Amino acid sequence: LRIKKSDFCLWVGAFVGTLTLGVELGILLAVLASLLLIVFESVRPQISVLWHLPGSTVFQNVKQGDGRLVAGVLIVRVGASMYFANVAFIRDRLTSLLWLPPAGKFPRIR
């Protein structure tokens, strides 16, 4: 079972808030923190670089398996819809990804 750190922090915040502030204020605090987290995550969507798996028509995240980049092409998957609040982040991330090495083995990224 894998739980995101942000979800765990929300749970702890709700628990401590409920113990110290009471049920209503503790739950209100947790709901407000959850809404802020949702906004933050939608403004900074996950962007994955994809590469081609040899011998197939499949493109896969570079963090999984072995593959090859397509020469002269950057293929990405944006994990959310683009809208006014996140388009600058997406543009900046894509600009930074344009400095990838030429086609071939892709170095492991964080």
C-alpha atoms as a PDB file:
ATOM      1  CA  LEU A   1       0.000   0.000   0.000  1.00  0.00           C
ATOM      2  CA  ARG A   2       1.454   3.357  -1.051  1.00  0.00           C
ATOM      3  CA  ILE A   3       0.142   6.641   0.310  1.00  0.00           C
ATOM      4  CA  LYS A   4       1.172  10.094  -0.878  1.00  0.00           C
ATOM      5  CA  LYS A   5       2.967  12.204   1.720  1.00  0.00           C
ATOM      6  CA  SER A   6       0.532  15.060   1.142  1.00  0.00           C
ATOM      7  CA  ASP A   7      -2.441  12.806   1.951  1.00  0.00           C
ATOM      8  CA  PHE A   8      -0.742  11.644   5.134  1.00  0.00           C
ATOM      9  CA  CYS A   9      -0.051  15.255   6.164  1.00  0.00           C
ATOM     10  CA  LEU A  10      -3.709  16.119   5.541  1.00  0.00           C
ATOM     11  CA  TRP A  11      -4.796  13.201   7.686  1.00  0.00           C
ATOM     12  CA  VAL A  12      -2.454  14.186  10.534  1.00  0.00           C
ATOM     13  CA  GLY A  13      -3.598  17.812  10.253  1.00  0.00           C
ATOM     14  CA  ALA A  14      -7.250  16.771  10.436  1.00  0.00           C
ATOM     15  CA  PHE A  15      -6.553  14.504  13.397  1.00  0.00           C
ATOM     16  CA  VAL A  16      -4.579  17.108  15.359  1.00  0.00           C
ATOM     17  CA  GLY A  17      -7.007  19.875  14.391  1.00  0.00           C
ATOM     18  CA  THR A  18      -9.959  17.835  15.577  1.00  0.00           C
ATOM     19  CA  LEU A  19      -8.236  17.034  18.876  1.00  0.00           C
ATOM     20  CA  THR A  20      -7.169  20.604  19.594  1.00  0.00           C
ATOM     21  CA  LEU A  21      -9.859  22.772  17.974  1.00  0.00           C
ATOM     22  CA  GLY A  22     -12.886  20.513  18.206  1.00  0.00           C
ATOM     23  CA  VAL A  23     -14.729  18.458  15.612  1.00  0.00           C
ATOM     24  CA  GLU A  24     -16.226  21.238  13.510  1.00  0.00           C
ATOM     25  CA  LEU A  25     -13.139  23.465  13.303  1.00  0.00           C
ATOM     26  CA  GLY A  26     -10.819  20.488  12.829  1.00  0.00           C
ATOM     27  CA  ILE A  27     -12.834  19.171   9.899  1.00  0.00           C
ATOM     28  CA  LEU A  28     -13.143  22.677   8.436  1.00  0.00           C
ATOM     29  CA  LEU A  29      -9.366  23.036   8.638  1.00  0.00           C
ATOM     30  CA  ALA A  30      -8.887  19.685   6.882  1.00  0.00           C
ATOM     31  CA  VAL A  31     -11.358  20.590   4.106  1.00  0.00           C
ATOM     32  CA  LEU A  32      -9.658  23.929   3.481  1.00  0.00           C
ATOM     33  CA  ALA A  33      -6.230  22.277   3.400  1.00  0.00           C
ATOM     34  CA  SER A  34      -7.559  19.669   0.936  1.00  0.00           C
ATOM     35  CA  LEU A  35      -8.921  22.369  -1.359  1.00  0.00           C
ATOM     36  CA  LEU A  36      -5.594  24.215  -1.303  1.00  0.00           C
ATOM     37  CA  LEU A  37      -3.777  20.989  -2.147  1.00  0.00           C
ATOM     38  CA  ILE A  38      -6.104  20.321  -5.083  1.00  0.00           C
ATOM     39  CA  VAL A  39      -5.483  23.812  -6.464  1.00  0.00           C
ATOM     40  CA  PHE A  40      -1.713  23.449  -6.017  1.00  0.00           C
ATOM     41  CA  GLU A  41      -1.641  20.047  -7.762  1.00  0.00           C
ATOM     42  CA  SER A  42      -3.765  21.289 -10.674  1.00  0.00           C
ATOM     43  CA  VAL A  43      -1.440  24.250 -11.224  1.00  0.00           C
ATOM     44  CA  ARG A  44       1.624  21.944 -11.328  1.00  0.00           C
ATOM     45  CA  PRO A  45       0.545  18.871 -13.344  1.00  0.00           C
ATOM     46  CA  GLN A  46       2.746  15.837 -13.794  1.00  0.00           C
ATOM     47  CA  ILE A  47       4.582  15.861 -17.136  1.00  0.00           C
ATOM     48  CA  SER A  48       6.107  12.596 -18.353  1.00  0.00           C
ATOM     49  CA  VAL A  49       8.623  12.181 -21.170  1.00  0.00           C
ATOM     50  CA  LEU A  50       7.786   9.194 -23.380  1.00  0.00           C
ATOM     51  CA  TRP A  51      10.029   7.014 -25.502  1.00  0.00           C
ATOM     52  CA  HIS A  52       9.428   4.335 -28.116  1.00  0.00           C
ATOM     53  CA  LEU A  53       9.644   0.665 -27.215  1.00  0.00           C
ATOM     54  CA  PRO A  54      11.594  -1.066 -30.021  1.00  0.00           C
ATOM     55  CA  GLY A  55       9.603  -3.520 -32.120  1.00  0.00           C
ATOM     56  CA  SER A  56       6.210  -2.075 -31.177  1.00  0.00           C
ATOM     57  CA  THR A  57       3.968   0.936 -31.643  1.00  0.00           C
ATOM     58  CA  VAL A  58       3.953   1.644 -27.900  1.00  0.00           C
ATOM     59  CA  PHE A  59       5.352   4.773 -26.236  1.00  0.00           C
ATOM     60  CA  GLN A  60       6.134   4.486 -22.542  1.00  0.00           C
ATOM     61  CA  ASN A  61       7.359   6.689 -19.709  1.00  0.00           C
ATOM     62  CA  VAL A  62      11.174   6.895 -19.675  1.00  0.00           C
ATOM     63  CA  LYS A  63      11.138   5.859 -16.016  1.00  0.00           C
ATOM     64  CA  GLN A  64       9.785   2.437 -17.025  1.00  0.00           C
ATOM     65  CA  GLY A  65      11.616  -0.176 -19.062  1.00  0.00           C
ATOM     66  CA  ASP A  66      14.109   0.316 -21.875  1.00  0.00           C
ATOM     67  CA  GLY A  67      13.361   2.269 -25.000  1.00  0.00           C
ATOM     68  CA  ARG A  68      14.709   4.834 -27.404  1.00  0.00           C
ATOM     69  CA  LEU A  69      13.916   8.473 -27.967  1.00  0.00           C
ATOM     70  CA  VAL A  70      12.651   9.420 -31.418  1.00  0.00           C
ATOM     71  CA  ALA A  71      15.227  11.552 -33.234  1.00  0.00           C
ATOM     72  CA  GLY A  72      14.260  15.216 -33.322  1.00  0.00           C
ATOM     73  CA  VAL A  73      10.955  14.716 -31.486  1.00  0.00           C
ATOM     74  CA  LEU A  74      10.002  15.373 -27.861  1.00  0.00           C
ATOM     75  CA  ILE A  75       6.986  13.304 -26.826  1.00  0.00           C
ATOM     76  CA  VAL A  76       5.371  14.166 -23.498  1.00  0.00           C
ATOM     77  CA  ARG A  77       2.213  13.305 -21.605  1.00  0.00           C
ATOM     78  CA  VAL A  78       0.666  16.091 -19.543  1.00  0.00           C
ATOM     79  CA  GLY A  79      -1.222  14.665 -16.569  1.00  0.00           C
ATOM     80  CA  ALA A  80      -3.940  17.352 -16.477  1.00  0.00           C
ATOM     81  CA  SER A  81      -5.914  19.669 -18.681  1.00  0.00           C
ATOM     82  CA  MET A  82      -4.191  22.874 -19.722  1.00  0.00           C
ATOM     83  CA  TYR A  83      -5.823  26.087 -18.568  1.00  0.00           C
ATOM     84  CA  PHE A  84      -4.789  29.623 -17.642  1.00  0.00           C
ATOM     85  CA  ALA A  85      -3.453  28.721 -14.194  1.00  0.00           C
ATOM     86  CA  ASN A  86      -1.050  25.970 -15.281  1.00  0.00           C
ATOM     87  CA  VAL A  87      -0.036  26.904 -18.819  1.00  0.00           C
ATOM     88  CA  ALA A  88       3.026  28.889 -17.664  1.00  0.00           C
ATOM     89  CA  PHE A  89       4.284  25.927 -15.615  1.00  0.00           C
ATOM     90  CA  ILE A  90       3.758  23.559 -18.561  1.00  0.00           C
ATOM     91  CA  ARG A  91       5.514  25.958 -20.958  1.00  0.00           C
ATOM     92  CA  ASP A  92       8.491  26.313 -18.614  1.00  0.00           C
ATOM     93  CA  ARG A  93       8.754  22.563 -18.054  1.00  0.00           C
ATOM     94  CA  LEU A  94       8.603  21.826 -21.794  1.00  0.00           C
ATOM     95  CA  THR A  95      11.236  24.479 -22.458  1.00  0.00           C
ATOM     96  CA  SER A  96      13.549  22.858 -19.920  1.00  0.00           C
ATOM     97  CA  LEU A  97      12.920  19.432 -21.487  1.00  0.00           C
ATOM     98  CA  LEU A  98      13.974  20.665 -24.919  1.00  0.00           C
ATOM     99  CA  TRP A  99      17.568  20.412 -23.720  1.00  0.00           C
ATOM    100  CA  LEU A 100      17.446  16.589 -23.773  1.00  0.00           C
ATOM    101  CA  PRO A 101      20.231  14.595 -25.419  1.00  0.00           C
ATOM    102  CA  PRO A 102      19.728  13.516 -29.043  1.00  0.00           C
ATOM    103  CA  ALA A 103      17.984  10.218 -29.837  1.00  0.00           C
ATOM    104  CA  GLY A 104      19.398   7.267 -28.014  1.00  0.00           C
ATOM    105  CA  LYS A 105      19.480   6.125 -24.449  1.00  0.00           C
ATOM    106  CA  PHE A 106      17.792   8.547 -22.092  1.00  0.00           C
ATOM    107  CA  PRO A 107      19.525   9.222 -18.789  1.00  0.00           C
ATOM    108  CA  ARG A 108      17.448   8.414 -15.716  1.00  0.00           C
ATOM    109  CA  ILE A 109      15.553  11.454 -14.495  1.00  0.00           C
ATOM    110  CA  ARG A 110      14.208  12.185 -11.052  1.00  0.00           C
END
